[in-house]
């Protein structure tokens, strides 16, 4: 079974979700498209690892609310205990651009960093709202490993720390972008 299937089971171990909700919840640590999630949910259902309930909606097609089965919980537990995590995968287009940033004029490079900073701060604000919601929930996750929210709480905290760290790195890098007129010209 692929890692994304286990990621879906992890989400469903916390609470029943629609495919749309799963896509949103996964964004904390995994980028997956609807086109990946729905066929995988069908496969998991066929294998007896998830089940679904049809929820009628007015003016829309019925919604499938997926839940993990006992077999799915067993498979997930075994995977968590026995399967070591794969190497960290990092694909970040921004970092690729930074590698060749010397091709740009300083103003354009600075603009690229400022845009990234703005996007990071917006994401951080959204995550802080999510964290606030978790802390106000009827089953608050803070320091309670028995809470179904505890893992999500840990991941949100990790992601927020990473975002803050990257904002700090950007703040460190911005003064390095001196205007073109202040840079010495290479000998021709």
N, C-alpha and C. Protein backbone atom coordinates (compact mmCIF):
# COMPACT_ATOMS: atom_id res chain seq x y z
N UNK A 1 0.85 -1.17 0.00
CA UNK A 1 0.00 0.00 0.00
C UNK A 1 0.90 1.24 0.00
N UNK A 2 0.52 2.26 -0.72
CA UNK A 2 1.34 3.46 -0.82
C UNK A 2 1.14 4.36 0.40
N UNK A 3 2.10 5.24 0.63
CA UNK A 3 2.09 6.11 1.81
C UNK A 3 0.84 6.99 1.86
N UNK A 4 0.36 7.46 0.73
CA UNK A 4 -0.83 8.31 0.73
C UNK A 4 -2.04 7.55 1.27
N UNK A 5 -2.13 6.26 1.00
CA UNK A 5 -3.23 5.46 1.54
C UNK A 5 -3.17 5.45 3.06
N UNK A 6 -1.97 5.30 3.60
CA UNK A 6 -1.82 5.33 5.06
C UNK A 6 -2.14 6.73 5.60
N UNK A 7 -1.78 7.76 4.86
CA UNK A 7 -2.10 9.13 5.29
C UNK A 7 -3.62 9.29 5.39
N UNK A 8 -4.35 8.74 4.44
CA UNK A 8 -5.82 8.81 4.48
C UNK A 8 -6.36 8.04 5.69
N UNK A 9 -5.80 6.87 5.94
CA UNK A 9 -6.24 6.10 7.11
C UNK A 9 -5.95 6.86 8.40
N UNK A 10 -4.81 7.54 8.45
CA UNK A 10 -4.48 8.35 9.63
C UNK A 10 -5.53 9.43 9.87
N UNK A 11 -5.93 10.10 8.80
CA UNK A 11 -6.94 11.16 8.92
C UNK A 11 -8.27 10.57 9.40
N UNK A 12 -8.64 9.42 8.85
CA UNK A 12 -9.91 8.79 9.19
C UNK A 12 -9.90 8.17 10.59
N UNK A 13 -8.72 7.87 11.12
CA UNK A 13 -8.62 7.34 12.48
C UNK A 13 -9.03 8.42 13.49
N UNK A 14 -8.90 9.67 13.09
CA UNK A 14 -9.26 10.78 13.98
C UNK A 14 -10.75 11.05 13.93
N UNK A 15 -11.32 11.05 12.69
CA UNK A 15 -12.76 11.30 12.55
C UNK A 15 -13.21 10.95 11.14
N UNK A 16 -14.49 10.62 10.95
CA UNK A 16 -15.02 10.38 9.61
C UNK A 16 -14.94 11.67 8.78
N UNK A 17 -14.61 11.52 7.50
CA UNK A 17 -14.44 12.69 6.62
C UNK A 17 -14.93 12.38 5.22
N UNK A 18 -15.27 13.44 4.50
CA UNK A 18 -15.53 13.32 3.06
C UNK A 18 -14.18 13.40 2.34
N UNK A 19 -14.17 13.06 1.08
CA UNK A 19 -12.94 13.18 0.29
C UNK A 19 -12.43 14.61 0.26
N UNK A 20 -13.35 15.56 0.17
CA UNK A 20 -12.97 16.97 0.16
C UNK A 20 -12.30 17.36 1.48
N UNK A 21 -12.88 16.93 2.59
CA UNK A 21 -12.29 17.23 3.91
C UNK A 21 -10.91 16.61 4.05
N UNK A 22 -10.74 15.39 3.54
CA UNK A 22 -9.45 14.72 3.61
C UNK A 22 -8.38 15.52 2.86
N UNK A 23 -8.75 16.04 1.70
CA UNK A 23 -7.81 16.85 0.92
C UNK A 23 -7.35 18.06 1.72
N UNK A 24 -8.29 18.72 2.38
CA UNK A 24 -7.96 19.90 3.19
C UNK A 24 -7.10 19.53 4.40
N UNK A 25 -7.45 18.45 5.10
CA UNK A 25 -6.69 18.05 6.29
C UNK A 25 -5.27 17.62 5.93
N UNK A 26 -5.11 16.98 4.80
CA UNK A 26 -3.80 16.50 4.39
C UNK A 26 -2.83 17.63 4.09
N UNK A 27 -3.33 18.81 3.77
CA UNK A 27 -2.47 19.92 3.37
C UNK A 27 -1.45 20.30 4.44
N UNK A 28 -1.69 19.91 5.68
CA UNK A 28 -0.74 20.23 6.74
C UNK A 28 0.60 19.56 6.46
N UNK A 29 0.59 18.36 5.88
CA UNK A 29 1.84 17.64 5.69
C UNK A 29 1.97 16.91 4.37
N UNK A 30 0.97 16.99 3.50
CA UNK A 30 1.02 16.23 2.26
C UNK A 30 0.23 16.97 1.19
N UNK A 31 0.81 17.12 0.02
CA UNK A 31 0.10 17.73 -1.08
C UNK A 31 -0.49 16.63 -1.95
N UNK A 32 -1.79 16.51 -1.95
CA UNK A 32 -2.47 15.49 -2.75
C UNK A 32 -3.69 16.13 -3.42
N UNK A 33 -3.98 15.68 -4.61
CA UNK A 33 -5.10 16.21 -5.39
C UNK A 33 -6.32 15.31 -5.21
N UNK A 34 -7.49 15.88 -5.49
CA UNK A 34 -8.73 15.09 -5.46
C UNK A 34 -8.61 13.87 -6.38
N UNK A 35 -7.94 14.06 -7.51
CA UNK A 35 -7.81 12.98 -8.49
C UNK A 35 -6.98 11.81 -7.96
N UNK A 36 -6.19 12.05 -6.93
CA UNK A 36 -5.43 10.97 -6.28
C UNK A 36 -6.24 10.34 -5.15
N UNK A 37 -6.96 11.17 -4.43
CA UNK A 37 -7.62 10.74 -3.21
C UNK A 37 -8.84 9.86 -3.48
N UNK A 38 -9.71 10.27 -4.39
CA UNK A 38 -10.94 9.51 -4.60
C UNK A 38 -10.71 8.09 -5.11
N UNK A 39 -9.84 7.86 -6.09
CA UNK A 39 -9.58 6.47 -6.48
C UNK A 39 -8.96 5.65 -5.36
N UNK A 40 -8.13 6.29 -4.56
CA UNK A 40 -7.51 5.58 -3.45
C UNK A 40 -8.54 5.22 -2.37
N UNK A 41 -9.47 6.12 -2.12
CA UNK A 41 -10.56 5.80 -1.18
C UNK A 41 -11.38 4.62 -1.67
N UNK A 42 -11.66 4.57 -2.97
CA UNK A 42 -12.41 3.45 -3.55
C UNK A 42 -11.63 2.14 -3.36
N UNK A 43 -10.32 2.20 -3.54
CA UNK A 43 -9.49 1.01 -3.36
C UNK A 43 -9.49 0.56 -1.90
N UNK A 44 -9.37 1.51 -0.99
CA UNK A 44 -9.38 1.19 0.44
C UNK A 44 -10.73 0.60 0.85
N UNK A 45 -11.79 1.11 0.26
CA UNK A 45 -13.13 0.58 0.55
C UNK A 45 -13.26 -0.85 0.02
N UNK A 46 -12.75 -1.09 -1.16
CA UNK A 46 -12.79 -2.43 -1.76
C UNK A 46 -12.00 -3.43 -0.92
N UNK A 47 -10.90 -2.97 -0.29
CA UNK A 47 -10.07 -3.83 0.55
C UNK A 47 -10.63 -3.98 1.97
N UNK A 48 -11.75 -3.28 2.27
CA UNK A 48 -12.37 -3.38 3.58
C UNK A 48 -11.68 -2.57 4.67
N UNK A 49 -10.86 -1.61 4.26
CA UNK A 49 -10.13 -0.80 5.24
C UNK A 49 -10.88 0.48 5.61
N UNK A 50 -11.78 0.90 4.74
CA UNK A 50 -12.68 2.02 5.04
C UNK A 50 -14.08 1.65 4.58
N UNK A 51 -15.02 2.35 5.12
CA UNK A 51 -16.41 2.21 4.71
C UNK A 51 -16.96 3.62 4.54
N UNK A 52 -18.11 3.74 3.91
CA UNK A 52 -18.67 5.08 3.77
C UNK A 52 -20.17 5.05 3.97
N UNK A 53 -20.68 6.21 4.32
CA UNK A 53 -22.11 6.43 4.48
C UNK A 53 -22.49 7.54 3.51
N UNK A 54 -23.57 7.33 2.77
CA UNK A 54 -24.04 8.38 1.86
C UNK A 54 -24.87 9.39 2.64
N UNK A 55 -24.50 10.64 2.51
CA UNK A 55 -25.21 11.73 3.18
C UNK A 55 -25.92 12.53 2.10
N UNK A 56 -27.24 12.58 2.18
CA UNK A 56 -28.02 13.32 1.19
C UNK A 56 -27.81 14.83 1.34
N UNK A 57 -27.74 15.51 0.21
CA UNK A 57 -27.57 16.96 0.20
C UNK A 57 -28.59 17.57 -0.76
N UNK A 58 -29.15 18.68 -0.39
CA UNK A 58 -30.13 19.35 -1.24
C UNK A 58 -29.43 20.09 -2.35
N UNK A 59 -29.81 19.82 -3.58
CA UNK A 59 -29.26 20.52 -4.72
C UNK A 59 -27.87 20.08 -5.13
N UNK A 60 -27.32 19.07 -4.49
CA UNK A 60 -25.99 18.55 -4.80
C UNK A 60 -26.04 17.03 -4.79
N UNK A 61 -25.05 16.40 -5.40
CA UNK A 61 -24.99 14.94 -5.30
C UNK A 61 -24.75 14.52 -3.85
N UNK A 62 -25.17 13.31 -3.51
CA UNK A 62 -24.94 12.79 -2.16
C UNK A 62 -23.44 12.80 -1.85
N UNK A 63 -23.13 13.03 -0.59
CA UNK A 63 -21.74 13.07 -0.14
C UNK A 63 -21.41 11.75 0.54
N UNK A 64 -20.20 11.24 0.28
CA UNK A 64 -19.73 10.05 0.96
C UNK A 64 -18.92 10.47 2.17
N UNK A 65 -19.33 9.98 3.33
CA UNK A 65 -18.59 10.23 4.56
C UNK A 65 -17.85 8.93 4.91
N UNK A 66 -16.52 8.98 4.79
CA UNK A 66 -15.69 7.80 4.98
C UNK A 66 -15.30 7.63 6.44
N UNK A 67 -15.23 6.36 6.86
CA UNK A 67 -14.78 6.00 8.21
C UNK A 67 -13.80 4.84 8.09
N UNK A 68 -12.87 4.77 9.01
CA UNK A 68 -11.92 3.66 9.02
C UNK A 68 -12.61 2.45 9.67
N UNK A 69 -12.34 1.27 9.17
CA UNK A 69 -12.87 0.03 9.74
C UNK A 69 -11.88 -0.52 10.77
N UNK A 70 -12.29 -1.54 11.48
CA UNK A 70 -11.37 -2.20 12.42
C UNK A 70 -10.16 -2.76 11.67
N UNK A 71 -10.41 -3.33 10.49
CA UNK A 71 -9.30 -3.85 9.68
C UNK A 71 -8.36 -2.72 9.26
N UNK A 72 -8.92 -1.57 8.93
CA UNK A 72 -8.10 -0.41 8.56
C UNK A 72 -7.28 0.08 9.74
N UNK A 73 -7.88 0.09 10.92
CA UNK A 73 -7.16 0.51 12.13
C UNK A 73 -6.02 -0.46 12.42
N UNK A 74 -6.28 -1.74 12.26
CA UNK A 74 -5.24 -2.75 12.48
C UNK A 74 -4.08 -2.59 11.50
N UNK A 75 -4.41 -2.38 10.24
CA UNK A 75 -3.37 -2.19 9.22
C UNK A 75 -2.56 -0.93 9.51
N UNK A 76 -3.24 0.12 9.91
CA UNK A 76 -2.57 1.39 10.23
C UNK A 76 -1.64 1.23 11.43
N UNK A 77 -2.11 0.58 12.47
CA UNK A 77 -1.26 0.35 13.65
C UNK A 77 0.00 -0.42 13.27
N UNK A 78 -0.18 -1.47 12.49
CA UNK A 78 0.97 -2.29 12.07
C UNK A 78 1.95 -1.45 11.26
N UNK A 79 1.45 -0.62 10.37
CA UNK A 79 2.32 0.23 9.55
C UNK A 79 3.10 1.22 10.41
N UNK A 80 2.43 1.84 11.37
CA UNK A 80 3.09 2.82 12.24
C UNK A 80 4.19 2.14 13.07
N UNK A 81 3.91 0.94 13.60
CA UNK A 81 4.86 0.24 14.46
C UNK A 81 6.02 -0.36 13.68
N UNK A 82 5.74 -0.93 12.50
CA UNK A 82 6.71 -1.79 11.83
C UNK A 82 7.42 -1.16 10.64
N UNK A 83 6.83 -0.20 10.00
CA UNK A 83 7.40 0.34 8.76
C UNK A 83 8.19 1.62 9.07
N UNK A 84 9.51 1.60 8.90
CA UNK A 84 10.25 2.84 9.13
C UNK A 84 9.88 3.88 8.06
N UNK A 85 9.83 5.15 8.47
CA UNK A 85 9.49 6.20 7.48
C UNK A 85 10.52 6.26 6.37
N UNK A 86 10.08 6.59 5.18
CA UNK A 86 10.99 6.74 4.05
C UNK A 86 11.77 8.04 4.22
N UNK A 87 12.76 8.22 3.38
CA UNK A 87 13.55 9.45 3.43
C UNK A 87 12.65 10.66 3.25
N UNK A 88 13.10 11.77 3.81
CA UNK A 88 12.35 13.02 3.70
C UNK A 88 12.38 13.48 2.24
N UNK A 89 11.21 13.74 1.70
CA UNK A 89 11.11 14.27 0.34
C UNK A 89 10.80 15.75 0.44
N UNK A 90 11.56 16.53 -0.29
CA UNK A 90 11.30 17.96 -0.29
C UNK A 90 11.35 18.45 -1.73
N UNK A 91 10.22 18.93 -2.19
CA UNK A 91 10.16 19.52 -3.52
C UNK A 91 9.59 20.91 -3.36
N UNK A 92 10.43 21.88 -3.54
CA UNK A 92 10.02 23.26 -3.33
C UNK A 92 10.56 24.10 -4.47
N UNK A 93 9.69 24.53 -5.33
CA UNK A 93 10.07 25.31 -6.51
C UNK A 93 10.82 26.58 -6.11
N UNK A 94 10.44 27.19 -5.01
CA UNK A 94 11.12 28.39 -4.53
C UNK A 94 12.60 28.11 -4.30
N UNK A 95 12.93 27.00 -3.67
CA UNK A 95 14.32 26.67 -3.38
C UNK A 95 15.10 26.41 -4.66
N UNK A 96 14.47 25.85 -5.66
CA UNK A 96 15.14 25.64 -6.95
C UNK A 96 15.49 27.00 -7.56
N UNK A 97 14.55 27.93 -7.49
CA UNK A 97 14.80 29.26 -8.03
C UNK A 97 15.92 29.96 -7.27
N UNK A 98 15.97 29.77 -5.95
CA UNK A 98 17.01 30.40 -5.14
C UNK A 98 18.39 29.90 -5.55
N UNK A 99 18.48 28.65 -5.92
CA UNK A 99 19.77 28.08 -6.31
C UNK A 99 20.39 28.87 -7.46
N UNK A 100 19.56 29.40 -8.34
CA UNK A 100 20.05 30.16 -9.51
C UNK A 100 19.70 31.64 -9.43
N UNK A 101 19.50 32.15 -8.22
CA UNK A 101 19.05 33.54 -8.05
C UNK A 101 20.09 34.55 -8.56
N UNK A 102 21.32 34.15 -8.66
CA UNK A 102 22.36 35.03 -9.19
C UNK A 102 22.11 35.49 -10.62
N UNK A 103 21.18 34.84 -11.31
CA UNK A 103 20.83 35.23 -12.68
C UNK A 103 19.92 36.45 -12.70
N UNK A 104 19.36 36.80 -11.55
CA UNK A 104 18.40 37.91 -11.47
C UNK A 104 19.06 39.18 -10.97
N UNK A 105 18.44 40.30 -11.26
CA UNK A 105 18.89 41.55 -10.66
C UNK A 105 18.44 41.55 -9.20
N UNK A 106 19.11 42.30 -8.33
CA UNK A 106 18.80 42.27 -6.90
C UNK A 106 17.35 42.63 -6.58
N UNK A 107 16.77 43.57 -7.30
CA UNK A 107 15.39 43.98 -7.01
C UNK A 107 14.42 42.83 -7.25
N UNK A 108 14.63 42.10 -8.34
CA UNK A 108 13.76 40.96 -8.65
C UNK A 108 13.95 39.84 -7.63
N UNK A 109 15.20 39.60 -7.24
CA UNK A 109 15.47 38.59 -6.22
C UNK A 109 14.83 38.96 -4.89
N UNK A 110 14.95 40.21 -4.51
CA UNK A 110 14.35 40.69 -3.27
C UNK A 110 12.83 40.53 -3.32
N UNK A 111 12.25 40.84 -4.47
CA UNK A 111 10.79 40.71 -4.64
C UNK A 111 10.36 39.25 -4.46
N UNK A 112 11.14 38.33 -5.00
CA UNK A 112 10.84 36.90 -4.87
C UNK A 112 10.83 36.50 -3.38
N UNK A 113 11.80 36.98 -2.63
CA UNK A 113 11.86 36.68 -1.20
C UNK A 113 10.70 37.32 -0.45
N UNK A 114 10.36 38.56 -0.79
CA UNK A 114 9.24 39.23 -0.11
C UNK A 114 7.91 38.54 -0.38
N UNK A 115 7.71 38.08 -1.61
CA UNK A 115 6.48 37.35 -1.94
C UNK A 115 6.40 36.05 -1.14
N UNK A 116 7.53 35.35 -1.02
CA UNK A 116 7.56 34.11 -0.25
C UNK A 116 7.24 34.40 1.22
N UNK A 117 7.82 35.49 1.75
CA UNK A 117 7.59 35.87 3.15
C UNK A 117 6.11 36.12 3.40
N UNK A 118 5.48 36.84 2.49
CA UNK A 118 4.05 37.15 2.62
C UNK A 118 3.22 35.88 2.61
N UNK A 119 3.53 34.96 1.70
CA UNK A 119 2.79 33.69 1.61
C UNK A 119 2.99 32.86 2.88
N UNK A 120 4.21 32.85 3.42
CA UNK A 120 4.48 32.10 4.65
C UNK A 120 3.71 32.66 5.83
N UNK A 121 3.69 33.99 5.93
CA UNK A 121 2.96 34.62 7.04
C UNK A 121 1.45 34.36 6.94
N UNK A 122 0.92 34.34 5.72
CA UNK A 122 -0.51 34.04 5.54
C UNK A 122 -0.79 32.60 5.96
N UNK A 123 0.09 31.69 5.58
CA UNK A 123 -0.09 30.28 5.95
C UNK A 123 0.04 30.11 7.46
N UNK A 124 0.98 30.81 8.06
CA UNK A 124 1.16 30.75 9.50
C UNK A 124 -0.09 31.23 10.22
N UNK A 125 -0.69 32.31 9.73
CA UNK A 125 -1.92 32.83 10.35
C UNK A 125 -3.04 31.80 10.27
N UNK A 126 -3.17 31.12 9.13
CA UNK A 126 -4.21 30.08 8.99
C UNK A 126 -3.95 28.93 9.96
N UNK A 127 -2.69 28.55 10.10
CA UNK A 127 -2.36 27.45 11.00
C UNK A 127 -2.60 27.85 12.46
N UNK A 128 -2.32 29.09 12.80
CA UNK A 128 -2.58 29.55 14.16
C UNK A 128 -4.07 29.53 14.46
N UNK A 129 -4.89 29.86 13.47
CA UNK A 129 -6.35 29.77 13.66
C UNK A 129 -6.77 28.31 13.87
N UNK A 130 -6.18 27.40 13.09
CA UNK A 130 -6.47 25.97 13.26
C UNK A 130 -6.05 25.48 14.63
N UNK A 131 -4.90 25.93 15.08
CA UNK A 131 -4.41 25.55 16.41
C UNK A 131 -5.34 26.09 17.49
N UNK A 132 -5.78 27.32 17.33
CA UNK A 132 -6.70 27.92 18.30
C UNK A 132 -7.99 27.10 18.37
N UNK A 133 -8.49 26.68 17.20
CA UNK A 133 -9.69 25.85 17.15
C UNK A 133 -9.50 24.53 17.87
N UNK A 134 -8.34 23.93 17.68
CA UNK A 134 -8.07 22.66 18.37
C UNK A 134 -8.02 22.86 19.88
N UNK A 135 -7.40 23.93 20.32
CA UNK A 135 -7.28 24.18 21.75
C UNK A 135 -8.63 24.49 22.40
N UNK A 136 -9.58 25.00 21.61
CA UNK A 136 -10.91 25.32 22.12
C UNK A 136 -11.88 24.16 21.95
N UNK A 137 -11.46 23.09 21.30
CA UNK A 137 -12.30 21.94 21.03
C UNK A 137 -12.70 21.24 22.33
N UNK A 138 -13.78 20.46 22.25
CA UNK A 138 -14.24 19.71 23.42
C UNK A 138 -13.26 18.62 23.82
N UNK A 139 -12.39 18.20 22.91
CA UNK A 139 -11.37 17.20 23.16
C UNK A 139 -10.01 17.85 22.90
N UNK A 140 -9.58 18.82 23.76
CA UNK A 140 -8.35 19.55 23.48
C UNK A 140 -7.13 18.62 23.49
N UNK A 141 -6.21 18.81 22.55
CA UNK A 141 -5.09 17.90 22.39
C UNK A 141 -3.87 18.20 23.25
N UNK A 142 -3.84 19.35 23.89
CA UNK A 142 -2.61 19.80 24.56
C UNK A 142 -2.16 18.78 25.60
N UNK A 143 -0.96 18.24 25.40
CA UNK A 143 -0.32 17.30 26.33
C UNK A 143 -1.22 16.12 26.70
N UNK A 144 -2.05 15.68 25.78
CA UNK A 144 -2.92 14.54 26.05
C UNK A 144 -2.82 13.56 24.89
N UNK A 145 -1.91 12.62 25.01
CA UNK A 145 -1.68 11.67 23.93
C UNK A 145 -2.93 10.83 23.64
N UNK A 146 -3.85 10.74 24.59
CA UNK A 146 -5.07 9.97 24.38
C UNK A 146 -6.07 10.72 23.49
N UNK A 147 -5.87 12.00 23.31
CA UNK A 147 -6.78 12.78 22.47
C UNK A 147 -6.58 12.41 21.00
N UNK A 148 -7.68 12.27 20.28
CA UNK A 148 -7.57 11.99 18.84
C UNK A 148 -6.97 13.17 18.09
N UNK A 149 -6.94 14.33 18.71
CA UNK A 149 -6.38 15.54 18.10
C UNK A 149 -4.88 15.67 18.36
N UNK A 150 -4.31 14.86 19.25
CA UNK A 150 -2.94 15.06 19.69
C UNK A 150 -1.94 15.05 18.53
N UNK A 151 -2.05 14.09 17.64
CA UNK A 151 -1.13 14.01 16.50
C UNK A 151 -1.26 15.22 15.60
N UNK A 152 -2.47 15.65 15.35
CA UNK A 152 -2.71 16.84 14.53
C UNK A 152 -2.10 18.07 15.21
N UNK A 153 -2.26 18.15 16.52
CA UNK A 153 -1.70 19.25 17.30
C UNK A 153 -0.17 19.29 17.15
N UNK A 154 0.47 18.13 17.27
CA UNK A 154 1.92 18.05 17.11
C UNK A 154 2.36 18.50 15.73
N UNK A 155 1.63 18.07 14.70
CA UNK A 155 1.98 18.44 13.33
C UNK A 155 1.79 19.93 13.07
N UNK A 156 0.72 20.50 13.59
CA UNK A 156 0.51 21.94 13.44
C UNK A 156 1.64 22.72 14.11
N UNK A 157 2.02 22.29 15.30
CA UNK A 157 3.10 22.98 16.02
C UNK A 157 4.40 22.88 15.23
N UNK A 158 4.70 21.72 14.69
CA UNK A 158 5.91 21.53 13.88
C UNK A 158 5.89 22.44 12.67
N UNK A 159 4.78 22.44 11.95
CA UNK A 159 4.68 23.24 10.74
C UNK A 159 4.81 24.73 11.06
N UNK A 160 4.19 25.17 12.14
CA UNK A 160 4.29 26.59 12.50
C UNK A 160 5.74 26.96 12.85
N UNK A 161 6.45 26.06 13.53
CA UNK A 161 7.86 26.32 13.84
C UNK A 161 8.69 26.41 12.57
N UNK A 162 8.43 25.52 11.62
CA UNK A 162 9.16 25.56 10.35
C UNK A 162 8.86 26.85 9.58
N UNK A 163 7.60 27.26 9.59
CA UNK A 163 7.24 28.50 8.90
C UNK A 163 7.94 29.70 9.54
N UNK A 164 7.94 29.75 10.86
CA UNK A 164 8.62 30.85 11.55
C UNK A 164 10.12 30.85 11.25
N UNK A 165 10.70 29.66 11.21
CA UNK A 165 12.13 29.55 10.91
C UNK A 165 12.42 30.05 9.49
N UNK A 166 11.58 29.69 8.54
CA UNK A 166 11.82 30.16 7.17
C UNK A 166 11.63 31.67 7.05
N UNK A 167 10.65 32.22 7.76
CA UNK A 167 10.49 33.68 7.77
C UNK A 167 11.75 34.33 8.34
N UNK A 168 12.31 33.76 9.39
CA UNK A 168 13.55 34.27 9.97
C UNK A 168 14.70 34.21 8.98
N UNK A 169 14.79 33.13 8.23
CA UNK A 169 15.83 32.99 7.21
C UNK A 169 15.66 34.05 6.12
N UNK A 170 14.41 34.28 5.71
CA UNK A 170 14.15 35.30 4.70
C UNK A 170 14.54 36.68 5.24
N UNK A 171 14.18 36.96 6.48
CA UNK A 171 14.55 38.24 7.09
C UNK A 171 16.07 38.40 7.14
N UNK A 172 16.79 37.31 7.36
CA UNK A 172 18.24 37.34 7.35
C UNK A 172 18.77 37.63 5.93
N UNK A 173 18.12 37.03 4.92
CA UNK A 173 18.61 37.13 3.54
C UNK A 173 18.29 38.47 2.88
N UNK A 174 17.19 39.09 3.24
CA UNK A 174 16.75 40.32 2.54
C UNK A 174 17.82 41.42 2.49
N UNK A 175 18.55 41.70 3.57
CA UNK A 175 19.57 42.75 3.48
C UNK A 175 20.71 42.43 2.51
N UNK A 176 20.85 41.18 2.12
CA UNK A 176 21.91 40.79 1.18
C UNK A 176 21.62 41.28 -0.25
N UNK A 177 20.37 41.63 -0.52
CA UNK A 177 19.99 42.09 -1.86
C UNK A 177 20.23 43.59 -1.96
N UNK A 178 21.44 43.94 -2.31
CA UNK A 178 21.80 45.34 -2.44
C UNK A 178 21.40 45.83 -3.83
N UNK A 179 21.00 47.09 -3.95
CA UNK A 179 20.62 47.62 -5.27
C UNK A 179 21.75 47.46 -6.28
N UNK A 180 21.38 47.35 -7.54
CA UNK A 180 22.35 47.14 -8.62
C UNK A 180 23.44 48.20 -8.62
N UNK A 181 23.09 49.42 -8.31
CA UNK A 181 24.06 50.52 -8.35
C UNK A 181 25.10 50.38 -7.23
N UNK A 182 24.78 49.66 -6.17
CA UNK A 182 25.70 49.50 -5.05
C UNK A 182 26.66 48.33 -5.24
N UNK A 183 26.41 47.49 -6.24
CA UNK A 183 27.25 46.32 -6.48
C UNK A 183 28.36 46.66 -7.46
N UNK A 184 29.54 46.16 -7.21
CA UNK A 184 30.63 46.40 -8.18
C UNK A 184 30.34 45.65 -9.48
N UNK A 185 30.70 46.24 -10.60
CA UNK A 185 30.49 45.60 -11.89
C UNK A 185 31.65 44.66 -12.19
N UNK A 186 31.36 43.48 -12.73
CA UNK A 186 32.45 42.57 -13.07
C UNK A 186 33.29 43.15 -14.22
N UNK A 187 34.58 42.84 -14.19
CA UNK A 187 35.48 43.29 -15.26
C UNK A 187 35.06 42.63 -16.56
N UNK A 188 35.09 43.40 -17.63
CA UNK A 188 34.72 42.84 -18.94
C UNK A 188 35.95 42.58 -19.77
